[in-house]
């Protein structure tokens, strides 16, 4: 598996912690960070293992325009959305690196360790941008609605509906807003 990690970013100060959480062999991932700004910010930490871009869209909410910008750069592999307040779960890579499914979902916990989302019901208001991985082959012209808070559910459900083979991993592999 090759993973395209997409991080929309407005909380620059958290990138070091995210960088430190990536326990994936470097040749097996691409990290695309898209800043919510007109140009790359100066005097902030930009991790050396990421590709950094900037886009500002006044109509966009919750980093959706930034996600779409990054999606336009992906050409193969798998796609994983890792928001700028969330680290990569320590067990994620070991549980997904050998899979070849079109759509992979898993459970998500709150920061206190209690279950937030089971992950086996990918639908509007039952999914987070951080509890699924999808094959690039599902993407097509599907993009995030830049004006909607629940765009993650719309996007994930649209992609899941195109999938030929879906797997639900019955484990917590995501912590909601781990740094928030």
Protein backbone atom coordinates (compact mmCIF):
# COMPACT_ATOMS: atom_id res chain seq x y z
CA UNK A 1 0.00 0.00 0.00
CA UNK A 2 1.11 3.52 -0.82
CA UNK A 3 -0.69 6.16 1.26
CA UNK A 4 -1.36 9.76 0.21
CA UNK A 5 -1.88 11.57 3.51
CA UNK A 6 -3.79 14.83 3.07
CA UNK A 7 -3.70 17.47 5.82
CA UNK A 8 -5.61 20.74 5.48
CA UNK A 9 -3.79 23.12 7.81
CA UNK A 10 -4.60 26.26 9.74
CA UNK A 11 -2.97 25.20 13.06
CA UNK A 12 0.66 25.29 12.01
CA UNK A 13 1.94 24.71 15.54
CA UNK A 14 0.62 21.12 15.54
CA UNK A 15 2.51 19.87 12.48
CA UNK A 16 5.54 18.71 14.51
CA UNK A 17 3.36 16.35 16.53
CA UNK A 18 1.67 15.02 13.42
CA UNK A 19 5.04 14.52 11.77
CA UNK A 20 6.25 12.59 14.81
CA UNK A 21 3.23 10.30 14.67
CA UNK A 22 3.86 9.09 11.11
CA UNK A 23 5.27 5.60 11.68
CA UNK A 24 5.02 4.59 8.03
CA UNK A 25 8.14 3.76 5.99
CA UNK A 26 9.03 6.93 4.06
CA UNK A 27 8.86 5.21 0.67
CA UNK A 28 5.26 4.11 1.41
CA UNK A 29 3.64 7.52 1.86
CA UNK A 30 3.32 11.02 0.48
CA UNK A 31 2.22 13.75 2.90
CA UNK A 32 0.46 16.69 1.29
CA UNK A 33 -0.11 19.65 3.62
CA UNK A 34 -2.28 22.45 2.25
CA UNK A 35 -2.25 25.63 4.28
CA UNK A 36 -5.40 27.73 4.54
CA UNK A 37 -3.64 30.87 3.35
CA UNK A 38 -2.88 32.78 0.19
CA UNK A 39 0.78 31.81 0.28
CA UNK A 40 3.00 29.52 2.30
CA UNK A 41 3.39 31.07 5.73
CA UNK A 42 6.78 32.30 6.78
CA UNK A 43 8.34 31.74 10.17
CA UNK A 44 6.38 28.55 10.84
CA UNK A 45 7.59 24.98 10.93
CA UNK A 46 7.10 23.11 7.66
CA UNK A 47 8.02 19.43 8.02
CA UNK A 48 10.69 18.20 5.65
CA UNK A 49 8.73 15.03 4.85
CA UNK A 50 5.72 16.87 3.43
CA UNK A 51 4.82 18.71 0.26
CA UNK A 52 3.53 22.12 1.34
CA UNK A 53 1.02 24.20 -0.63
CA UNK A 54 -1.30 27.09 0.12
CA UNK A 55 -4.79 27.98 -1.04
CA UNK A 56 -7.31 30.39 0.39
CA UNK A 57 -11.00 30.09 -0.44
CA UNK A 58 -13.32 32.39 1.48
CA UNK A 59 -16.31 30.12 0.78
CA UNK A 60 -14.66 27.01 2.17
CA UNK A 61 -15.23 25.64 5.67
CA UNK A 62 -13.32 23.04 7.70
CA UNK A 63 -10.44 22.69 5.22
CA UNK A 64 -12.59 21.34 2.41
CA UNK A 65 -11.07 23.50 -0.34
CA UNK A 66 -7.62 22.47 0.89
CA UNK A 67 -8.59 18.78 0.71
CA UNK A 68 -9.83 19.25 -2.86
CA UNK A 69 -6.62 21.04 -3.84
CA UNK A 70 -4.58 18.08 -2.59
CA UNK A 71 -6.90 15.52 -4.21
CA UNK A 72 -6.11 17.08 -7.59
CA UNK A 73 -2.44 16.11 -7.06
CA UNK A 74 -3.06 12.46 -6.21
CA UNK A 75 -2.63 10.06 -9.15
CA UNK A 76 -2.51 6.60 -7.54
CA UNK A 77 -2.38 4.63 -4.30
CA UNK A 78 -4.66 5.21 -1.36
CA UNK A 79 -5.96 8.40 0.23
CA UNK A 80 -6.11 9.16 3.96
CA UNK A 81 -7.27 12.46 5.41
CA UNK A 82 -5.39 13.52 8.53
CA UNK A 83 -6.61 16.84 9.89
CA UNK A 84 -4.26 19.32 11.50
CA UNK A 85 -5.49 18.45 14.99
CA UNK A 86 -5.07 14.69 14.66
CA UNK A 87 -2.10 12.37 14.83
CA UNK A 88 -1.71 9.11 12.93
CA UNK A 89 -2.82 6.31 15.25
CA UNK A 90 0.14 4.17 16.35
CA UNK A 91 -1.52 0.94 15.13
CA UNK A 92 -2.96 2.22 11.83
CA UNK A 93 -0.15 1.24 9.47
CA UNK A 94 0.29 -2.26 10.89
CA UNK A 95 -3.43 -2.91 10.33
CA UNK A 96 -3.76 -1.56 6.79
CA UNK A 97 -0.42 -1.82 4.95
CA UNK A 98 -1.15 -5.26 3.48
CA UNK A 99 -4.75 -4.56 2.39
CA UNK A 100 -5.91 -4.17 -1.20
CA UNK A 101 -9.54 -3.22 -0.58
CA UNK A 102 -11.08 -0.22 -2.34
CA UNK A 103 -12.50 1.20 0.87
CA UNK A 104 -11.21 0.60 4.40
CA UNK A 105 -12.97 1.85 7.51
CA UNK A 106 -12.24 1.49 11.21
CA UNK A 107 -13.48 2.70 14.56
CA UNK A 108 -12.65 6.03 16.14
CA UNK A 109 -12.34 7.02 19.78
CA UNK A 110 -12.62 10.26 21.71
CA UNK A 111 -9.44 11.55 23.37
CA UNK A 112 -10.57 9.95 26.65
CA UNK A 113 -10.58 6.52 24.98
CA UNK A 114 -14.33 6.05 24.73
CA UNK A 115 -15.80 4.94 21.42
CA UNK A 116 -16.94 7.77 19.12
CA UNK A 117 -17.68 6.00 15.81
CA UNK A 118 -17.91 2.28 15.12
CA UNK A 119 -16.77 2.71 11.50
CA UNK A 120 -19.04 0.06 10.01
CA UNK A 121 -21.80 2.55 9.14
CA UNK A 122 -20.29 4.94 6.62
CA UNK A 123 -23.07 7.46 6.10
CA UNK A 124 -23.89 11.10 6.70
CA UNK A 125 -23.15 12.04 10.33
CA UNK A 126 -21.63 8.60 11.03
CA UNK A 127 -18.16 9.11 9.62
CA UNK A 128 -15.20 11.37 10.21
CA UNK A 129 -12.57 12.34 7.66
CA UNK A 130 -10.10 10.35 9.77
CA UNK A 131 -11.76 6.93 10.03
CA UNK A 132 -11.53 5.70 6.46
CA UNK A 133 -8.95 5.08 3.75
CA UNK A 134 -9.93 4.84 0.10
CA UNK A 135 -8.32 3.75 -3.11
CA UNK A 136 -7.52 6.47 -5.60
CA UNK A 137 -9.54 4.44 -8.13
CA UNK A 138 -12.76 5.50 -6.33
CA UNK A 139 -12.06 9.22 -6.56
CA UNK A 140 -12.98 10.14 -10.13
CA UNK A 141 -14.58 13.60 -10.03
CA UNK A 142 -15.79 13.26 -6.45
CA UNK A 143 -14.71 16.19 -4.29
CA UNK A 144 -15.60 17.70 -0.93
CA UNK A 145 -18.47 20.20 -0.82
CA UNK A 146 -16.55 23.27 0.34
CA UNK A 147 -19.54 24.82 2.13
CA UNK A 148 -20.73 21.91 4.28
CA UNK A 149 -19.64 20.80 7.73
CA UNK A 150 -20.90 17.28 7.00
CA UNK A 151 -18.93 17.06 3.75
CA UNK A 152 -16.88 14.16 5.13
CA UNK A 153 -20.00 11.98 5.26
CA UNK A 154 -21.07 12.97 1.77
CA UNK A 155 -17.62 12.39 0.32
CA UNK A 156 -16.98 9.10 2.13
CA UNK A 157 -20.40 7.68 1.31
CA UNK A 158 -20.10 8.59 -2.38
CA UNK A 159 -16.71 6.89 -2.60
CA UNK A 160 -17.85 3.86 -0.57
CA UNK A 161 -20.82 3.38 -2.91
CA UNK A 162 -18.39 3.05 -5.84
CA UNK A 163 -16.25 0.46 -4.04
CA UNK A 164 -16.19 -3.15 -5.18
CA UNK A 165 -14.56 -4.48 -2.01
CA UNK A 166 -15.01 -2.83 1.36
CA UNK A 167 -13.45 -3.90 4.62
CA UNK A 168 -14.31 -2.78 8.13
CA UNK A 169 -11.50 -3.28 10.64
CA UNK A 170 -13.15 -3.78 14.02
CA UNK A 171 -10.48 -1.84 15.89
CA UNK A 172 -9.96 1.73 17.02
CA UNK A 173 -7.39 3.17 14.60
CA UNK A 174 -8.28 6.86 14.92
CA UNK A 175 -8.58 9.34 17.78
CA UNK A 176 -10.90 12.27 17.10
CA UNK A 177 -9.19 15.67 17.45
CA UNK A 178 -6.30 14.08 19.33
CA UNK A 179 -4.43 17.41 19.44
CA UNK A 180 -7.46 19.70 19.65
